[in-house]
Amino acid sequence: MCSIMIHESSTVTDHGCSSWGRGLNESTNGLTRQDFSKESSFDNITGEDVDQVMNELKCYPQKTFNFRAPHEAFFDKIHQKFA
């Protein structure tokens, strides 16, 4: 299981006229819906619940990174640069 601590969250926005952003957006929405259904009430969702889902998404392997998690691709790149 991946466990990384992120203290600040960032927002990813979809560029409305750019088709390249839609696939990632739809994929992320689908993964998020596994934890929060459309019928979920935000009154019942805690900040800890959101943090857990964000951590799961950040650890999810992506095709863009040769099926590695984003943090794995990042640290591999850093290691290559400074090794």
N, C-alpha and C. Protein backbone atom coordinates (compact mmCIF):
# COMPACT_ATOMS: atom_id res chain seq x y z
N MET A 1 0.84 -1.18 0.00
CA MET A 1 0.00 0.00 0.00
C MET A 1 0.88 1.24 0.00
N CYS A 2 0.51 2.20 -0.76
CA CYS A 2 1.24 3.45 -0.86
C CYS A 2 0.80 4.35 0.29
N SER A 3 1.75 4.97 0.93
CA SER A 3 1.42 5.90 1.99
C SER A 3 2.36 7.09 1.90
N ILE A 4 1.86 8.19 1.38
CA ILE A 4 2.65 9.41 1.33
C ILE A 4 1.88 10.51 2.01
N MET A 5 2.58 11.43 2.57
CA MET A 5 1.94 12.54 3.26
C MET A 5 2.08 13.79 2.41
N ILE A 6 0.99 14.39 2.10
CA ILE A 6 0.97 15.65 1.37
C ILE A 6 0.25 16.65 2.27
N HIS A 7 0.90 17.77 2.55
CA HIS A 7 0.32 18.73 3.48
C HIS A 7 -0.48 19.82 2.80
N GLU A 8 -0.27 20.01 1.53
CA GLU A 8 -1.05 21.00 0.80
C GLU A 8 -1.69 20.32 -0.39
N SER A 9 -2.90 20.69 -0.70
CA SER A 9 -3.55 20.12 -1.87
C SER A 9 -3.51 21.14 -3.00
N SER A 10 -3.52 20.63 -4.21
CA SER A 10 -3.54 21.51 -5.36
C SER A 10 -4.77 21.19 -6.18
N THR A 11 -5.16 22.11 -7.00
CA THR A 11 -6.34 21.95 -7.83
C THR A 11 -5.91 21.77 -9.28
N VAL A 12 -6.46 20.75 -9.91
CA VAL A 12 -6.20 20.52 -11.32
C VAL A 12 -7.45 20.96 -12.07
N THR A 13 -7.28 21.85 -13.00
CA THR A 13 -8.43 22.34 -13.75
C THR A 13 -8.40 21.80 -15.17
N ASP A 14 -9.57 21.63 -15.73
CA ASP A 14 -9.70 21.17 -17.10
C ASP A 14 -9.75 22.40 -18.00
N HIS A 15 -8.92 22.40 -19.01
CA HIS A 15 -8.95 23.49 -19.99
C HIS A 15 -10.08 23.18 -20.97
N GLY A 16 -11.17 23.91 -20.83
CA GLY A 16 -12.41 23.62 -21.53
C GLY A 16 -12.29 23.28 -23.01
N CYS A 17 -11.41 23.93 -23.73
CA CYS A 17 -11.29 23.71 -25.16
C CYS A 17 -10.24 22.68 -25.52
N SER A 18 -9.55 22.13 -24.53
CA SER A 18 -8.46 21.18 -24.80
C SER A 18 -8.94 19.76 -24.57
N SER A 19 -8.97 18.98 -25.61
CA SER A 19 -9.46 17.61 -25.50
C SER A 19 -8.51 16.71 -24.73
N TRP A 20 -7.23 17.08 -24.66
CA TRP A 20 -6.26 16.23 -24.00
C TRP A 20 -6.50 16.12 -22.49
N GLY A 21 -7.20 17.06 -21.91
CA GLY A 21 -7.44 17.03 -20.47
C GLY A 21 -8.65 16.22 -20.06
N ARG A 22 -9.53 15.94 -20.98
CA ARG A 22 -10.80 15.29 -20.63
C ARG A 22 -10.61 13.84 -20.17
N GLY A 23 -9.72 13.10 -20.79
CA GLY A 23 -9.56 11.70 -20.41
C GLY A 23 -9.12 11.54 -18.98
N LEU A 24 -8.12 12.31 -18.56
CA LEU A 24 -7.64 12.26 -17.19
C LEU A 24 -8.72 12.70 -16.22
N ASN A 25 -9.45 13.74 -16.60
CA ASN A 25 -10.52 14.24 -15.75
C ASN A 25 -11.59 13.17 -15.55
N GLU A 26 -12.02 12.54 -16.61
CA GLU A 26 -13.06 11.50 -16.52
C GLU A 26 -12.56 10.29 -15.74
N SER A 27 -11.30 9.93 -15.94
CA SER A 27 -10.72 8.80 -15.21
C SER A 27 -10.69 9.10 -13.71
N THR A 28 -10.26 10.30 -13.36
CA THR A 28 -10.20 10.69 -11.95
C THR A 28 -11.59 10.73 -11.34
N ASN A 29 -12.56 11.24 -12.08
CA ASN A 29 -13.94 11.25 -11.59
C ASN A 29 -14.43 9.83 -11.32
N GLY A 30 -14.12 8.91 -12.21
CA GLY A 30 -14.55 7.52 -12.03
C GLY A 30 -13.92 6.90 -10.80
N LEU A 31 -12.63 7.16 -10.59
CA LEU A 31 -11.96 6.61 -9.41
C LEU A 31 -12.51 7.23 -8.13
N THR A 32 -12.83 8.51 -8.18
CA THR A 32 -13.39 9.18 -7.00
C THR A 32 -14.77 8.63 -6.68
N ARG A 33 -15.55 8.34 -7.71
CA ARG A 33 -16.91 7.80 -7.51
C ARG A 33 -16.90 6.41 -6.87
N GLN A 34 -15.77 5.72 -6.89
CA GLN A 34 -15.69 4.43 -6.19
C GLN A 34 -15.83 4.64 -4.69
N ASP A 35 -15.38 5.78 -4.20
CA ASP A 35 -15.46 6.08 -2.77
C ASP A 35 -16.65 6.97 -2.42
N PHE A 36 -16.97 7.90 -3.29
CA PHE A 36 -18.08 8.83 -3.05
C PHE A 36 -19.07 8.72 -4.21
N SER A 37 -20.18 8.05 -3.96
CA SER A 37 -21.17 7.90 -5.02
C SER A 37 -21.87 9.24 -5.26
N LYS A 38 -22.58 9.33 -6.37
CA LYS A 38 -23.30 10.57 -6.68
C LYS A 38 -24.36 10.87 -5.63
N GLU A 39 -24.84 9.84 -4.95
CA GLU A 39 -25.86 10.02 -3.93
C GLU A 39 -25.27 10.43 -2.58
N SER A 40 -23.93 10.47 -2.47
CA SER A 40 -23.28 10.81 -1.20
C SER A 40 -23.63 12.24 -0.80
N SER A 41 -23.87 12.41 0.48
CA SER A 41 -24.12 13.74 1.02
C SER A 41 -22.80 14.29 1.55
N PHE A 42 -22.47 15.51 1.17
CA PHE A 42 -21.24 16.11 1.66
C PHE A 42 -21.30 16.38 3.16
N ASP A 43 -22.50 16.34 3.73
CA ASP A 43 -22.64 16.50 5.18
C ASP A 43 -21.99 15.34 5.93
N ASN A 44 -21.92 14.18 5.28
CA ASN A 44 -21.40 12.97 5.92
C ASN A 44 -19.94 12.69 5.57
N ILE A 45 -19.33 13.50 4.73
CA ILE A 45 -17.95 13.28 4.30
C ILE A 45 -17.03 14.19 5.11
N THR A 46 -16.05 13.57 5.78
CA THR A 46 -15.12 14.36 6.60
C THR A 46 -13.88 14.74 5.80
N GLY A 47 -13.12 15.65 6.32
CA GLY A 47 -11.85 16.02 5.71
C GLY A 47 -10.90 14.84 5.64
N GLU A 48 -10.96 13.98 6.65
CA GLU A 48 -10.12 12.77 6.65
C GLU A 48 -10.50 11.84 5.51
N ASP A 49 -11.81 11.74 5.22
CA ASP A 49 -12.26 10.92 4.08
C ASP A 49 -11.69 11.45 2.78
N VAL A 50 -11.74 12.76 2.61
CA VAL A 50 -11.22 13.39 1.40
C VAL A 50 -9.71 13.18 1.30
N ASP A 51 -9.00 13.36 2.42
CA ASP A 51 -7.55 13.15 2.43
C ASP A 51 -7.19 11.72 2.04
N GLN A 52 -7.97 10.75 2.51
CA GLN A 52 -7.69 9.35 2.18
C GLN A 52 -7.86 9.10 0.68
N VAL A 53 -8.92 9.62 0.10
CA VAL A 53 -9.16 9.44 -1.33
C VAL A 53 -8.09 10.16 -2.15
N MET A 54 -7.68 11.36 -1.71
CA MET A 54 -6.61 12.08 -2.42
C MET A 54 -5.33 11.28 -2.40
N ASN A 55 -5.01 10.66 -1.25
CA ASN A 55 -3.80 9.85 -1.15
C ASN A 55 -3.89 8.64 -2.07
N GLU A 56 -5.07 8.01 -2.13
CA GLU A 56 -5.25 6.86 -3.03
C GLU A 56 -5.04 7.28 -4.49
N LEU A 57 -5.58 8.44 -4.88
CA LEU A 57 -5.44 8.90 -6.26
C LEU A 57 -3.99 9.23 -6.58
N LYS A 58 -3.27 9.81 -5.62
CA LYS A 58 -1.87 10.16 -5.85
C LYS A 58 -0.98 8.93 -5.96
N CYS A 59 -1.46 7.81 -5.43
CA CYS A 59 -0.68 6.57 -5.46
C CYS A 59 -1.14 5.63 -6.58
N TYR A 60 -2.12 6.05 -7.37
CA TYR A 60 -2.69 5.20 -8.41
C TYR A 60 -1.77 5.20 -9.64
N PRO A 61 -1.36 4.02 -10.11
CA PRO A 61 -0.49 3.96 -11.29
C PRO A 61 -1.17 4.59 -12.51
N GLN A 62 -0.41 5.32 -13.31
CA GLN A 62 -0.95 5.98 -14.48
C GLN A 62 -0.18 5.60 -15.73
N LYS A 63 -0.92 5.45 -16.82
CA LYS A 63 -0.30 5.09 -18.10
C LYS A 63 0.77 6.11 -18.50
N THR A 64 0.50 7.39 -18.22
CA THR A 64 1.43 8.46 -18.55
C THR A 64 2.82 8.21 -17.96
N PHE A 65 2.86 7.58 -16.80
CA PHE A 65 4.12 7.32 -16.10
C PHE A 65 4.54 5.86 -16.21
N ASN A 66 4.23 5.23 -17.34
CA ASN A 66 4.55 3.81 -17.55
C ASN A 66 4.00 2.93 -16.43
N PHE A 67 2.78 3.22 -16.03
CA PHE A 67 2.05 2.47 -15.01
C PHE A 67 2.75 2.48 -13.66
N ARG A 68 3.36 3.63 -13.36
CA ARG A 68 3.89 3.88 -12.03
C ARG A 68 3.05 4.99 -11.40
N ALA A 69 3.10 5.06 -10.09
CA ALA A 69 2.42 6.15 -9.40
C ALA A 69 3.18 7.45 -9.65
N PRO A 70 2.49 8.59 -9.62
CA PRO A 70 3.17 9.85 -9.87
C PRO A 70 4.38 10.08 -8.98
N HIS A 71 4.28 9.75 -7.70
CA HIS A 71 5.44 9.98 -6.82
C HIS A 71 6.61 9.07 -7.17
N GLU A 72 6.33 7.86 -7.67
CA GLU A 72 7.41 6.97 -8.10
C GLU A 72 8.14 7.56 -9.31
N ALA A 73 7.37 8.05 -10.26
CA ALA A 73 7.97 8.66 -11.46
C ALA A 73 8.79 9.89 -11.07
N PHE A 74 8.28 10.69 -10.15
CA PHE A 74 8.99 11.88 -9.71
C PHE A 74 10.32 11.52 -9.07
N PHE A 75 10.30 10.58 -8.12
CA PHE A 75 11.53 10.24 -7.42
C PHE A 75 12.52 9.50 -8.32
N ASP A 76 12.03 8.73 -9.29
CA ASP A 76 12.93 8.11 -10.26
C ASP A 76 13.66 9.19 -11.06
N LYS A 77 12.93 10.23 -11.46
CA LYS A 77 13.53 11.32 -12.23
C LYS A 77 14.57 12.07 -11.39
N ILE A 78 14.24 12.32 -10.14
CA ILE A 78 15.19 12.99 -9.24
C ILE A 78 16.43 12.13 -9.05
N HIS A 79 16.24 10.83 -8.87
CA HIS A 79 17.36 9.92 -8.66
C HIS A 79 18.27 9.91 -9.90
N GLN A 80 17.67 9.88 -11.09
CA GLN A 80 18.45 9.88 -12.32
C GLN A 80 19.26 11.17 -12.45
N LYS A 81 18.66 12.28 -12.05
CA LYS A 81 19.33 13.56 -12.22
C LYS A 81 20.51 13.71 -11.27
N PHE A 82 20.40 13.19 -10.05
CA PHE A 82 21.42 13.43 -9.05
C PHE A 82 22.25 12.19 -8.72
N ALA A 83 22.05 11.09 -9.44
CA ALA A 83 22.81 9.87 -9.16
C ALA A 83 24.17 9.92 -9.81
